[in-house]
Amino acid sequence: MRSVEKALKALGHPVIVTQDKNNVKNASGIILPGVGSFDVAVKSLRETTLESAIVESIAVGKPYLGICLGMQMLFEESEEGNSKGFGVLPGRAVRFNFKGHPMEKKLKVPHMGWNSIRISADCPIYKGVENGSMLYFVHSYYVEPKDESIVATTTEYGKDFVSSIYKGNIYGTQFHVEKSGDIGLKILDNFAKLCKKS
């Protein structure tokens, strides 16, 4: 969270880190970074009523960027836990499983490090970002959307997986933009500018 805050401030964008649902409702856009356990994160957001504030904000068209777990929670469920996700998007998060893969011993889980993205949609947060750009990943789970039209980028790690999604005002990245150098900063800057327009 602090890395995202510092990056946005360095780019000259005002940012508030909050657990107050009223701040969420009054914000021009929402970024939800996420690392850790699906169940713990969902439980925390429900107990603080932030989930309802986030879902309501998305419903009225406010720009939302979910990073890693912040994207996975948008979906209905995850293999990581028993809690239901936000259910904003149909689909689920699944764990990498390389059992029987020819490179099983070399494909470590979590997937960690720099990898390239293939941009498959005309997505506003990728304005000025080249196809094949390298971004930083740390994850064991990835999303499987039921609606393939929301896939914005894919990445190859033992198989092609969805590395970001885009639907209307909703954006999600499996990679960590806040740890992805100049390209990550460009993506954050593009998103922040969308928030100013909304």
N, C-alpha and C. Protein backbone atom coordinates (compact mmCIF):
# COMPACT_ATOMS: atom_id res chain seq x y z
N MET A 1 0.81 -1.20 0.00
CA MET A 1 0.00 0.00 0.00
C MET A 1 0.86 1.27 0.00
N ARG A 2 1.91 1.24 0.86
CA ARG A 2 2.78 2.43 0.93
C ARG A 2 3.54 2.65 -0.37
N SER A 3 3.89 1.56 -1.05
CA SER A 3 4.60 1.70 -2.33
C SER A 3 3.71 2.37 -3.36
N VAL A 4 2.42 2.01 -3.38
CA VAL A 4 1.48 2.64 -4.31
C VAL A 4 1.31 4.11 -3.96
N GLU A 5 1.17 4.40 -2.67
CA GLU A 5 1.02 5.79 -2.21
C GLU A 5 2.22 6.63 -2.62
N LYS A 6 3.43 6.11 -2.36
CA LYS A 6 4.65 6.85 -2.71
C LYS A 6 4.76 7.07 -4.21
N ALA A 7 4.40 6.07 -4.99
CA ALA A 7 4.49 6.19 -6.45
C ALA A 7 3.55 7.28 -6.96
N LEU A 8 2.32 7.29 -6.46
CA LEU A 8 1.34 8.30 -6.90
C LEU A 8 1.78 9.70 -6.50
N LYS A 9 2.30 9.83 -5.29
CA LYS A 9 2.78 11.14 -4.84
C LYS A 9 3.96 11.62 -5.68
N ALA A 10 4.85 10.68 -6.04
CA ALA A 10 5.99 11.03 -6.88
C ALA A 10 5.54 11.50 -8.26
N LEU A 11 4.39 10.97 -8.71
CA LEU A 11 3.83 11.37 -10.01
C LEU A 11 3.03 12.67 -9.92
N GLY A 12 2.85 13.17 -8.69
CA GLY A 12 2.14 14.43 -8.50
C GLY A 12 0.64 14.30 -8.34
N HIS A 13 0.17 13.10 -7.99
CA HIS A 13 -1.27 12.88 -7.82
C HIS A 13 -1.62 12.82 -6.34
N PRO A 14 -2.70 13.51 -5.93
CA PRO A 14 -3.12 13.44 -4.53
C PRO A 14 -3.66 12.05 -4.21
N VAL A 15 -3.33 11.54 -3.03
CA VAL A 15 -3.75 10.19 -2.65
C VAL A 15 -4.01 10.13 -1.15
N ILE A 16 -5.01 9.38 -0.75
CA ILE A 16 -5.32 9.15 0.66
C ILE A 16 -5.37 7.65 0.90
N VAL A 17 -4.63 7.16 1.88
CA VAL A 17 -4.74 5.77 2.33
C VAL A 17 -5.78 5.76 3.44
N THR A 18 -6.84 4.99 3.28
CA THR A 18 -7.96 5.10 4.22
C THR A 18 -8.62 3.76 4.52
N GLN A 19 -9.28 3.71 5.67
CA GLN A 19 -10.18 2.61 6.02
C GLN A 19 -11.58 3.18 6.28
N ASP A 20 -11.78 4.42 5.87
CA ASP A 20 -13.04 5.12 6.08
C ASP A 20 -13.89 5.02 4.82
N LYS A 21 -15.06 4.41 4.92
CA LYS A 21 -15.91 4.22 3.74
C LYS A 21 -16.34 5.54 3.12
N ASN A 22 -16.44 6.60 3.93
CA ASN A 22 -16.84 7.90 3.38
C ASN A 22 -15.75 8.47 2.47
N ASN A 23 -14.49 8.23 2.83
CA ASN A 23 -13.39 8.66 1.95
C ASN A 23 -13.44 7.91 0.62
N VAL A 24 -13.79 6.61 0.70
CA VAL A 24 -13.92 5.81 -0.52
C VAL A 24 -15.03 6.37 -1.40
N LYS A 25 -16.17 6.67 -0.78
CA LYS A 25 -17.32 7.18 -1.53
C LYS A 25 -17.05 8.55 -2.15
N ASN A 26 -16.20 9.36 -1.50
CA ASN A 26 -15.92 10.70 -1.98
C ASN A 26 -14.72 10.78 -2.93
N ALA A 27 -14.00 9.69 -3.05
CA ALA A 27 -12.79 9.68 -3.89
C ALA A 27 -13.16 9.73 -5.37
N SER A 28 -12.24 10.26 -6.18
CA SER A 28 -12.47 10.30 -7.63
C SER A 28 -12.12 8.96 -8.28
N GLY A 29 -11.39 8.12 -7.56
CA GLY A 29 -11.03 6.80 -8.05
C GLY A 29 -10.51 5.95 -6.91
N ILE A 30 -10.48 4.65 -7.11
CA ILE A 30 -10.07 3.73 -6.05
C ILE A 30 -8.97 2.81 -6.56
N ILE A 31 -7.92 2.66 -5.75
CA ILE A 31 -6.90 1.64 -6.01
C ILE A 31 -6.88 0.70 -4.82
N LEU A 32 -7.05 -0.58 -5.08
CA LEU A 32 -6.99 -1.58 -4.01
C LEU A 32 -5.83 -2.54 -4.29
N PRO A 33 -4.67 -2.28 -3.64
CA PRO A 33 -3.57 -3.23 -3.78
C PRO A 33 -3.85 -4.44 -2.90
N GLY A 34 -3.16 -5.52 -3.13
CA GLY A 34 -3.43 -6.67 -2.29
C GLY A 34 -2.32 -7.69 -2.32
N VAL A 35 -1.88 -8.09 -1.14
CA VAL A 35 -1.01 -9.24 -0.98
C VAL A 35 -1.54 -10.02 0.21
N GLY A 36 -1.30 -11.32 0.25
CA GLY A 36 -1.74 -12.11 1.38
C GLY A 36 -2.89 -13.03 1.03
N SER A 37 -3.65 -13.40 2.05
CA SER A 37 -4.69 -14.41 1.93
C SER A 37 -6.02 -13.83 1.45
N PHE A 38 -6.66 -14.53 0.53
CA PHE A 38 -7.96 -14.11 -0.01
C PHE A 38 -8.99 -13.99 1.11
N ASP A 39 -9.14 -15.03 1.93
CA ASP A 39 -10.16 -15.02 2.99
C ASP A 39 -9.93 -13.89 3.99
N VAL A 40 -8.70 -13.69 4.41
CA VAL A 40 -8.39 -12.66 5.40
C VAL A 40 -8.69 -11.27 4.83
N ALA A 41 -8.32 -11.04 3.59
CA ALA A 41 -8.55 -9.74 2.95
C ALA A 41 -10.04 -9.45 2.80
N VAL A 42 -10.79 -10.44 2.30
CA VAL A 42 -12.23 -10.25 2.13
C VAL A 42 -12.91 -10.00 3.48
N LYS A 43 -12.53 -10.78 4.48
CA LYS A 43 -13.13 -10.62 5.81
C LYS A 43 -12.88 -9.22 6.37
N SER A 44 -11.64 -8.74 6.23
CA SER A 44 -11.29 -7.42 6.72
C SER A 44 -12.11 -6.33 6.03
N LEU A 45 -12.25 -6.43 4.72
CA LEU A 45 -13.00 -5.42 3.97
C LEU A 45 -14.49 -5.46 4.31
N ARG A 46 -15.00 -6.65 4.61
CA ARG A 46 -16.42 -6.76 4.99
C ARG A 46 -16.66 -6.21 6.39
N GLU A 47 -15.76 -6.50 7.29
CA GLU A 47 -15.92 -6.04 8.68
C GLU A 47 -15.86 -4.52 8.78
N THR A 48 -15.08 -3.89 7.93
CA THR A 48 -14.95 -2.42 7.95
C THR A 48 -15.96 -1.75 7.01
N THR A 49 -16.83 -2.54 6.39
CA THR A 49 -17.84 -2.09 5.41
C THR A 49 -17.22 -1.42 4.19
N LEU A 50 -15.92 -1.62 4.00
CA LEU A 50 -15.28 -1.05 2.81
C LEU A 50 -15.71 -1.78 1.54
N GLU A 51 -16.01 -3.08 1.65
CA GLU A 51 -16.44 -3.82 0.46
C GLU A 51 -17.66 -3.17 -0.17
N SER A 52 -18.68 -2.87 0.63
CA SER A 52 -19.90 -2.28 0.09
C SER A 52 -19.63 -0.91 -0.52
N ALA A 53 -18.76 -0.13 0.12
CA ALA A 53 -18.41 1.19 -0.42
C ALA A 53 -17.69 1.06 -1.76
N ILE A 54 -16.81 0.07 -1.87
CA ILE A 54 -16.08 -0.17 -3.12
C ILE A 54 -17.03 -0.63 -4.22
N VAL A 55 -17.87 -1.60 -3.91
CA VAL A 55 -18.81 -2.15 -4.91
C VAL A 55 -19.78 -1.07 -5.38
N GLU A 56 -20.28 -0.26 -4.45
CA GLU A 56 -21.19 0.82 -4.83
C GLU A 56 -20.49 1.85 -5.71
N SER A 57 -19.24 2.16 -5.39
CA SER A 57 -18.49 3.13 -6.19
C SER A 57 -18.25 2.61 -7.60
N ILE A 58 -17.93 1.32 -7.72
CA ILE A 58 -17.76 0.72 -9.04
C ILE A 58 -19.06 0.79 -9.83
N ALA A 59 -20.18 0.52 -9.15
CA ALA A 59 -21.49 0.50 -9.81
C ALA A 59 -21.89 1.84 -10.39
N VAL A 60 -21.43 2.93 -9.77
CA VAL A 60 -21.79 4.27 -10.28
C VAL A 60 -20.75 4.79 -11.28
N GLY A 61 -19.78 3.94 -11.64
CA GLY A 61 -18.85 4.30 -12.70
C GLY A 61 -17.53 4.89 -12.27
N LYS A 62 -17.23 4.84 -10.98
CA LYS A 62 -15.96 5.38 -10.49
C LYS A 62 -14.81 4.47 -10.94
N PRO A 63 -13.70 5.02 -11.44
CA PRO A 63 -12.57 4.18 -11.85
C PRO A 63 -12.01 3.38 -10.67
N TYR A 64 -11.76 2.10 -10.91
CA TYR A 64 -11.24 1.19 -9.90
C TYR A 64 -10.06 0.44 -10.50
N LEU A 65 -8.97 0.38 -9.73
CA LEU A 65 -7.80 -0.40 -10.13
C LEU A 65 -7.49 -1.38 -9.01
N GLY A 66 -7.63 -2.67 -9.30
CA GLY A 66 -7.27 -3.71 -8.35
C GLY A 66 -5.93 -4.30 -8.73
N ILE A 67 -5.01 -4.34 -7.77
CA ILE A 67 -3.67 -4.85 -8.01
C ILE A 67 -3.52 -6.20 -7.31
N CYS A 68 -3.16 -7.23 -8.06
CA CYS A 68 -2.93 -8.58 -7.54
C CYS A 68 -4.19 -9.09 -6.83
N LEU A 69 -4.16 -9.26 -5.51
CA LEU A 69 -5.33 -9.73 -4.78
C LEU A 69 -6.50 -8.75 -4.93
N GLY A 70 -6.18 -7.47 -5.10
CA GLY A 70 -7.21 -6.45 -5.31
C GLY A 70 -8.00 -6.66 -6.59
N MET A 71 -7.40 -7.36 -7.56
CA MET A 71 -8.13 -7.77 -8.76
C MET A 71 -8.88 -9.07 -8.51
N GLN A 72 -8.23 -10.04 -7.88
CA GLN A 72 -8.84 -11.35 -7.67
C GLN A 72 -10.14 -11.26 -6.86
N MET A 73 -10.19 -10.33 -5.90
CA MET A 73 -11.38 -10.19 -5.06
C MET A 73 -12.60 -9.68 -5.82
N LEU A 74 -12.39 -9.11 -7.01
CA LEU A 74 -13.51 -8.64 -7.83
C LEU A 74 -14.38 -9.80 -8.30
N PHE A 75 -13.80 -10.99 -8.37
CA PHE A 75 -14.49 -12.14 -8.93
C PHE A 75 -15.30 -12.89 -7.87
N GLU A 76 -15.98 -13.94 -8.29
CA GLU A 76 -16.93 -14.63 -7.42
C GLU A 76 -16.28 -15.46 -6.32
N GLU A 77 -15.12 -16.06 -6.62
CA GLU A 77 -14.49 -16.94 -5.64
C GLU A 77 -13.03 -17.18 -6.00
N SER A 78 -12.32 -17.82 -5.06
CA SER A 78 -10.93 -18.17 -5.28
C SER A 78 -10.65 -19.55 -4.71
N GLU A 79 -9.80 -20.29 -5.38
CA GLU A 79 -9.36 -21.59 -4.85
C GLU A 79 -8.54 -21.43 -3.57
N GLU A 80 -8.11 -20.20 -3.29
CA GLU A 80 -7.27 -19.96 -2.12
C GLU A 80 -8.06 -20.07 -0.81
N GLY A 81 -9.37 -19.82 -0.87
CA GLY A 81 -10.14 -19.80 0.38
C GLY A 81 -11.59 -20.19 0.19
N ASN A 82 -12.36 -20.00 1.23
CA ASN A 82 -13.77 -20.37 1.24
C ASN A 82 -14.71 -19.17 1.11
N SER A 83 -14.19 -17.97 1.32
CA SER A 83 -15.02 -16.78 1.25
C SER A 83 -15.41 -16.47 -0.19
N LYS A 84 -16.58 -15.90 -0.36
CA LYS A 84 -16.99 -15.41 -1.66
C LYS A 84 -16.29 -14.08 -1.94
N GLY A 85 -15.97 -13.85 -3.20
CA GLY A 85 -15.41 -12.57 -3.60
C GLY A 85 -16.49 -11.52 -3.71
N PHE A 86 -16.14 -10.35 -4.26
CA PHE A 86 -17.11 -9.27 -4.40
C PHE A 86 -18.22 -9.62 -5.39
N GLY A 87 -17.90 -10.50 -6.35
CA GLY A 87 -18.90 -10.88 -7.34
C GLY A 87 -19.22 -9.80 -8.35
N VAL A 88 -18.33 -8.82 -8.49
CA VAL A 88 -18.53 -7.75 -9.48
C VAL A 88 -18.36 -8.31 -10.90
N LEU A 89 -17.45 -9.29 -11.02
CA LEU A 89 -17.18 -9.92 -12.31
C LEU A 89 -17.35 -11.43 -12.18
N PRO A 90 -17.93 -12.08 -13.19
CA PRO A 90 -18.07 -13.54 -13.13
C PRO A 90 -16.74 -14.24 -13.41
N GLY A 91 -16.44 -15.24 -12.58
CA GLY A 91 -15.20 -15.97 -12.74
C GLY A 91 -14.59 -16.25 -11.38
N ARG A 92 -13.36 -16.74 -11.39
CA ARG A 92 -12.71 -17.12 -10.14
C ARG A 92 -11.19 -17.03 -10.28
N ALA A 93 -10.53 -17.10 -9.13
CA ALA A 93 -9.06 -17.17 -9.12
C ALA A 93 -8.65 -18.61 -8.87
N VAL A 94 -7.67 -19.09 -9.61
CA VAL A 94 -7.20 -20.48 -9.49
C VAL A 94 -5.70 -20.49 -9.26
N ARG A 95 -5.22 -21.59 -8.66
CA ARG A 95 -3.79 -21.71 -8.36
C ARG A 95 -3.05 -22.33 -9.53
N PHE A 96 -1.83 -21.87 -9.76
CA PHE A 96 -0.98 -22.52 -10.74
C PHE A 96 -0.82 -24.00 -10.37
N ASN A 97 -0.98 -24.87 -11.35
CA ASN A 97 -0.78 -26.30 -11.13
C ASN A 97 0.01 -26.85 -12.31
N PHE A 98 1.26 -27.17 -12.08
CA PHE A 98 2.14 -27.64 -13.16
C PHE A 98 2.42 -29.13 -13.08
N LYS A 99 1.59 -29.84 -12.31
CA LYS A 99 1.78 -31.29 -12.21
C LYS A 99 1.66 -31.92 -13.59
N GLY A 100 2.68 -32.69 -13.98
CA GLY A 100 2.69 -33.33 -15.29
C GLY A 100 3.21 -32.46 -16.41
N HIS A 101 3.49 -31.19 -16.12
CA HIS A 101 4.03 -30.28 -17.14
C HIS A 101 5.47 -30.68 -17.46
N PRO A 102 5.89 -30.63 -18.73
CA PRO A 102 7.27 -31.02 -19.09
C PRO A 102 8.34 -30.26 -18.31
N MET A 103 8.02 -29.03 -17.85
CA MET A 103 8.99 -28.23 -17.11
C MET A 103 8.57 -28.08 -15.64
N GLU A 104 7.87 -29.07 -15.14
CA GLU A 104 7.31 -29.03 -13.78
C GLU A 104 8.33 -28.59 -12.72
N LYS A 105 9.53 -29.14 -12.79
CA LYS A 105 10.53 -28.85 -11.76
C LYS A 105 11.08 -27.43 -11.83
N LYS A 106 10.99 -26.82 -13.00
CA LYS A 106 11.52 -25.47 -13.17
C LYS A 106 10.48 -24.38 -12.93
N LEU A 107 9.20 -24.75 -13.00
CA LEU A 107 8.12 -23.77 -12.85
C LEU A 107 7.75 -23.65 -11.38
N LYS A 108 8.37 -22.72 -10.70
CA LYS A 108 8.16 -22.54 -9.27
C LYS A 108 6.85 -21.78 -9.01
N VAL A 109 6.22 -22.12 -7.90
CA VAL A 109 5.04 -21.40 -7.43
C VAL A 109 5.34 -20.95 -6.00
N PRO A 110 5.27 -19.64 -5.72
CA PRO A 110 4.69 -18.60 -6.56
C PRO A 110 5.55 -18.23 -7.78
N HIS A 111 4.86 -17.73 -8.80
CA HIS A 111 5.50 -17.11 -9.95
C HIS A 111 6.04 -15.78 -9.46
N MET A 112 7.36 -15.62 -9.53
CA MET A 112 7.97 -14.42 -8.96
C MET A 112 9.04 -13.87 -9.89
N GLY A 113 8.94 -12.59 -10.19
CA GLY A 113 9.95 -11.94 -11.01
C GLY A 113 9.35 -11.18 -12.18
N TRP A 114 10.23 -10.78 -13.09
CA TRP A 114 9.83 -9.96 -14.23
C TRP A 114 9.34 -10.85 -15.37
N ASN A 115 8.26 -10.43 -16.01
CA ASN A 115 7.72 -11.18 -17.14
C ASN A 115 7.01 -10.20 -18.07
N SER A 116 6.86 -10.61 -19.32
CA SER A 116 6.28 -9.71 -20.31
C SER A 116 4.76 -9.86 -20.40
N ILE A 117 4.11 -8.80 -20.85
CA ILE A 117 2.66 -8.83 -21.07
C ILE A 117 2.38 -8.71 -22.56
N ARG A 118 1.32 -9.39 -23.00
CA ARG A 118 0.83 -9.24 -24.36
C ARG A 118 -0.50 -8.50 -24.28
N ILE A 119 -0.52 -7.31 -24.82
CA ILE A 119 -1.72 -6.46 -24.75
C ILE A 119 -2.70 -6.91 -25.81
N SER A 120 -3.92 -7.26 -25.36
CA SER A 120 -4.92 -7.80 -26.29
C SER A 120 -6.16 -6.92 -26.39
N ALA A 121 -6.16 -5.80 -25.69
CA ALA A 121 -7.33 -4.91 -25.72
C ALA A 121 -6.87 -3.46 -25.76
N ASP A 122 -7.71 -2.60 -26.31
CA ASP A 122 -7.42 -1.17 -26.34
C ASP A 122 -7.81 -0.59 -24.98
N CYS A 123 -6.91 -0.74 -24.03
CA CYS A 123 -7.18 -0.39 -22.63
C CYS A 123 -6.50 0.93 -22.28
N PRO A 124 -7.24 1.90 -21.74
CA PRO A 124 -6.68 3.23 -21.46
C PRO A 124 -5.46 3.26 -20.55
N ILE A 125 -5.34 2.33 -19.61
CA ILE A 125 -4.18 2.40 -18.71
C ILE A 125 -2.89 1.95 -19.39
N TYR A 126 -3.01 1.39 -20.61
CA TYR A 126 -1.81 0.98 -21.36
C TYR A 126 -1.43 1.98 -22.45
N LYS A 127 -2.01 3.17 -22.39
CA LYS A 127 -1.63 4.22 -23.34
C LYS A 127 -0.14 4.54 -23.18
N GLY A 128 0.61 4.40 -24.26
CA GLY A 128 2.05 4.67 -24.20
C GLY A 128 2.89 3.51 -23.69
N VAL A 129 2.25 2.36 -23.42
CA VAL A 129 2.96 1.17 -22.95
C VAL A 129 3.12 0.21 -24.13
N GLU A 130 4.33 -0.24 -24.38
CA GLU A 130 4.59 -1.11 -25.52
C GLU A 130 4.18 -2.55 -25.24
N ASN A 131 3.65 -3.21 -26.26
CA ASN A 131 3.37 -4.64 -26.17
C ASN A 131 4.68 -5.37 -25.87
N GLY A 132 4.66 -6.32 -24.95
CA GLY A 132 5.87 -7.04 -24.57
C GLY A 132 6.62 -6.41 -23.42
N SER A 133 6.08 -5.33 -22.86
CA SER A 133 6.73 -4.68 -21.72
C SER A 133 6.88 -5.64 -20.55
N MET A 134 7.94 -5.46 -19.79
CA MET A 134 8.23 -6.32 -18.64
C MET A 134 7.68 -5.69 -17.37
N LEU A 135 6.97 -6.51 -16.59
CA LEU A 135 6.40 -6.05 -15.32
C LEU A 135 6.69 -7.09 -14.24
N TYR A 136 6.50 -6.67 -12.98
CA TYR A 136 6.93 -7.51 -11.86
C TYR A 136 5.75 -8.28 -11.25
N PHE A 137 5.91 -9.59 -11.10
CA PHE A 137 4.88 -10.49 -10.58
C PHE A 137 5.34 -11.17 -9.29
N VAL A 138 4.40 -11.34 -8.36
CA VAL A 138 4.58 -12.21 -7.19
C VAL A 138 3.20 -12.79 -6.89
N HIS A 139 2.94 -14.04 -7.33
CA HIS A 139 1.60 -14.60 -7.12
C HIS A 139 1.59 -16.10 -7.35
N SER A 140 0.65 -16.76 -6.67
CA SER A 140 0.42 -18.18 -6.86
C SER A 140 -0.91 -18.44 -7.56
N TYR A 141 -1.77 -17.40 -7.60
CA TYR A 141 -3.11 -17.53 -8.18
C TYR A 141 -3.28 -16.52 -9.31
N TYR A 142 -4.16 -16.83 -10.23
CA TYR A 142 -4.47 -15.93 -11.34
C TYR A 142 -5.97 -16.07 -11.63
N VAL A 143 -6.54 -15.09 -12.32
CA VAL A 143 -7.99 -15.11 -12.54
C VAL A 143 -8.37 -15.82 -13.84
N GLU A 144 -9.51 -16.47 -13.79
CA GLU A 144 -10.14 -17.07 -14.97
C GLU A 144 -11.51 -16.43 -15.15
N PRO A 145 -11.59 -15.32 -15.91
CA PRO A 145 -12.88 -14.68 -16.13
C PRO A 145 -13.79 -15.54 -17.00
N LYS A 146 -15.07 -15.54 -16.70
CA LYS A 146 -16.02 -16.24 -17.56
C LYS A 146 -16.23 -15.49 -18.87
N ASP A 147 -16.06 -14.17 -18.82
CA ASP A 147 -16.21 -13.32 -20.00
C ASP A 147 -14.81 -12.99 -20.54
N GLU A 148 -14.41 -13.65 -21.62
CA GLU A 148 -13.06 -13.46 -22.15
C GLU A 148 -12.85 -12.07 -22.76
N SER A 149 -13.93 -11.36 -23.01
CA SER A 149 -13.80 -10.02 -23.61
C SER A 149 -13.18 -9.01 -22.65
N ILE A 150 -13.12 -9.33 -21.35
CA ILE A 150 -12.54 -8.39 -20.39
C ILE A 150 -11.03 -8.57 -20.23
N VAL A 151 -10.46 -9.55 -20.91
CA VAL A 151 -9.00 -9.79 -20.82
C VAL A 151 -8.26 -8.67 -21.53
N ALA A 152 -7.39 -7.98 -20.79
CA ALA A 152 -6.62 -6.87 -21.36
C ALA A 152 -5.21 -7.30 -21.74
N THR A 153 -4.61 -8.18 -20.92
CA THR A 153 -3.28 -8.71 -21.24
C THR A 153 -3.19 -10.16 -20.78
N THR A 154 -2.29 -10.87 -21.44
CA THR A 154 -1.94 -12.22 -21.01
C THR A 154 -0.43 -12.30 -20.84
N THR A 155 0.00 -13.30 -20.08
CA THR A 155 1.42 -13.52 -19.83
C THR A 155 1.67 -15.03 -19.85
N GLU A 156 2.86 -15.41 -20.29
CA GLU A 156 3.19 -16.84 -20.36
C GLU A 156 4.07 -17.22 -19.18
N TYR A 157 3.58 -18.19 -18.40
CA TYR A 157 4.39 -18.82 -17.36
C TYR A 157 3.94 -20.27 -17.25
N GLY A 158 4.55 -21.11 -18.03
CA GLY A 158 4.12 -22.50 -18.11
C GLY A 158 2.87 -22.68 -18.95
N LYS A 159 2.08 -21.64 -19.03
CA LYS A 159 0.85 -21.56 -19.82
C LYS A 159 0.52 -20.08 -19.96
N ASP A 160 -0.37 -19.75 -20.87
CA ASP A 160 -0.86 -18.38 -20.95
C ASP A 160 -1.88 -18.16 -19.84
N PHE A 161 -1.70 -17.11 -19.06
CA PHE A 161 -2.69 -16.76 -18.04
C PHE A 161 -3.07 -15.28 -18.16
N VAL A 162 -4.20 -14.94 -17.61
CA VAL A 162 -4.70 -13.56 -17.67
C VAL A 162 -3.90 -12.72 -16.68
N SER A 163 -3.19 -11.72 -17.19
CA SER A 163 -2.38 -10.88 -16.31
C SER A 163 -2.99 -9.51 -16.05
N SER A 164 -4.06 -9.16 -16.78
CA SER A 164 -4.83 -7.96 -16.43
C SER A 164 -6.18 -8.00 -17.12
N ILE A 165 -7.13 -7.25 -16.52
CA ILE A 165 -8.49 -7.20 -17.07
C ILE A 165 -8.94 -5.74 -17.18
N TYR A 166 -9.96 -5.54 -18.03
CA TYR A 166 -10.51 -4.21 -18.25
C TYR A 166 -11.96 -4.33 -18.68
N LYS A 167 -12.84 -3.65 -17.95
CA LYS A 167 -14.24 -3.58 -18.33
C LYS A 167 -14.82 -2.26 -17.87
N GLY A 168 -15.07 -1.35 -18.81
CA GLY A 168 -15.64 -0.05 -18.45
C GLY A 168 -14.73 0.73 -17.53
N ASN A 169 -15.17 0.93 -16.31
CA ASN A 169 -14.39 1.67 -15.32
C ASN A 169 -13.55 0.77 -14.43
N ILE A 170 -13.54 -0.54 -14.73
CA ILE A 170 -12.85 -1.52 -13.89
C ILE A 170 -11.55 -1.97 -14.55
N TYR A 171 -10.46 -1.86 -13.78
CA TYR A 171 -9.14 -2.30 -14.24
C TYR A 171 -8.54 -3.20 -13.17
N GLY A 172 -7.82 -4.22 -13.60
CA GLY A 172 -7.15 -5.09 -12.64
C GLY A 172 -5.87 -5.61 -13.22
N THR A 173 -4.82 -5.65 -12.41
CA THR A 173 -3.53 -6.18 -12.85
C THR A 173 -3.05 -7.25 -11.89
N GLN A 174 -2.57 -8.37 -12.43
CA GLN A 174 -1.97 -9.40 -11.59
C GLN A 174 -0.56 -9.00 -11.20
N PHE A 175 0.11 -8.25 -12.04
CA PHE A 175 1.45 -7.76 -11.74
C PHE A 175 1.35 -6.55 -10.80
N HIS A 176 2.47 -6.25 -10.16
CA HIS A 176 2.52 -5.14 -9.21
C HIS A 176 3.05 -3.89 -9.93
N VAL A 177 2.15 -3.01 -10.29
CA VAL A 177 2.57 -1.79 -10.99
C VAL A 177 3.52 -0.96 -10.14
N GLU A 178 3.31 -0.98 -8.82
CA GLU A 178 4.11 -0.17 -7.91
C GLU A 178 5.54 -0.68 -7.77
N LYS A 179 5.82 -1.88 -8.28
CA LYS A 179 7.17 -2.47 -8.21
C LYS A 179 7.75 -2.70 -9.61
N SER A 180 7.10 -2.08 -10.61
CA SER A 180 7.47 -2.37 -12.00
C SER A 180 8.16 -1.21 -12.71
N GLY A 181 8.91 -0.41 -11.96
CA GLY A 181 9.73 0.63 -12.57
C GLY A 181 8.95 1.65 -13.36
N ASP A 182 9.57 2.17 -14.42
CA ASP A 182 8.97 3.24 -15.21
C ASP A 182 7.67 2.82 -15.89
N ILE A 183 7.60 1.56 -16.34
CA ILE A 183 6.38 1.09 -17.01
C ILE A 183 5.22 1.05 -16.01
N GLY A 184 5.49 0.56 -14.80
CA GLY A 184 4.46 0.55 -13.76
C GLY A 184 4.00 1.94 -13.41
N LEU A 185 4.94 2.89 -13.33
CA LEU A 185 4.59 4.27 -13.05
C LEU A 185 3.72 4.86 -14.16
N LYS A 186 4.03 4.51 -15.39
CA LYS A 186 3.24 4.99 -16.53
C LYS A 186 1.80 4.50 -16.41
N ILE A 187 1.62 3.24 -16.04
CA ILE A 187 0.27 2.67 -15.90
C ILE A 187 -0.48 3.36 -14.76
N LEU A 188 0.19 3.57 -13.62
CA LEU A 188 -0.43 4.28 -12.50
C LEU A 188 -0.80 5.71 -12.89
N ASP A 189 0.08 6.37 -13.62
CA ASP A 189 -0.17 7.74 -14.06
C ASP A 189 -1.39 7.79 -14.99
N ASN A 190 -1.47 6.83 -15.90
CA ASN A 190 -2.62 6.77 -16.81
C ASN A 190 -3.92 6.58 -16.03
N PHE A 191 -3.89 5.71 -15.02
CA PHE A 191 -5.10 5.47 -14.23
C PHE A 191 -5.49 6.73 -13.45
N ALA A 192 -4.51 7.37 -12.82
CA ALA A 192 -4.79 8.58 -12.03
C ALA A 192 -5.39 9.67 -12.91
N LYS A 193 -4.93 9.79 -14.13
CA LYS A 193 -5.47 10.80 -15.05
C LYS A 193 -6.92 10.48 -15.43
N LEU A 194 -7.25 9.19 -15.53
CA LEU A 194 -8.63 8.79 -15.79
C LEU A 194 -9.54 9.23 -14.63
N CYS A 195 -9.01 9.13 -13.41
CA CYS A 195 -9.79 9.52 -12.22
C CYS A 195 -10.12 11.01 -12.25
N LYS A 196 -9.17 11.82 -12.75
CA LYS A 196 -9.40 13.26 -12.82
C LYS A 196 -10.47 13.62 -13.84
N LYS A 197 -10.58 12.77 -14.88
CA LYS A 197 -11.59 13.04 -15.93
C LYS A 197 -12.99 12.61 -15.52
N SER A 198 -13.09 11.65 -14.58
CA SER A 198 -14.39 11.08 -14.24
C SER A 198 -15.25 12.02 -13.39
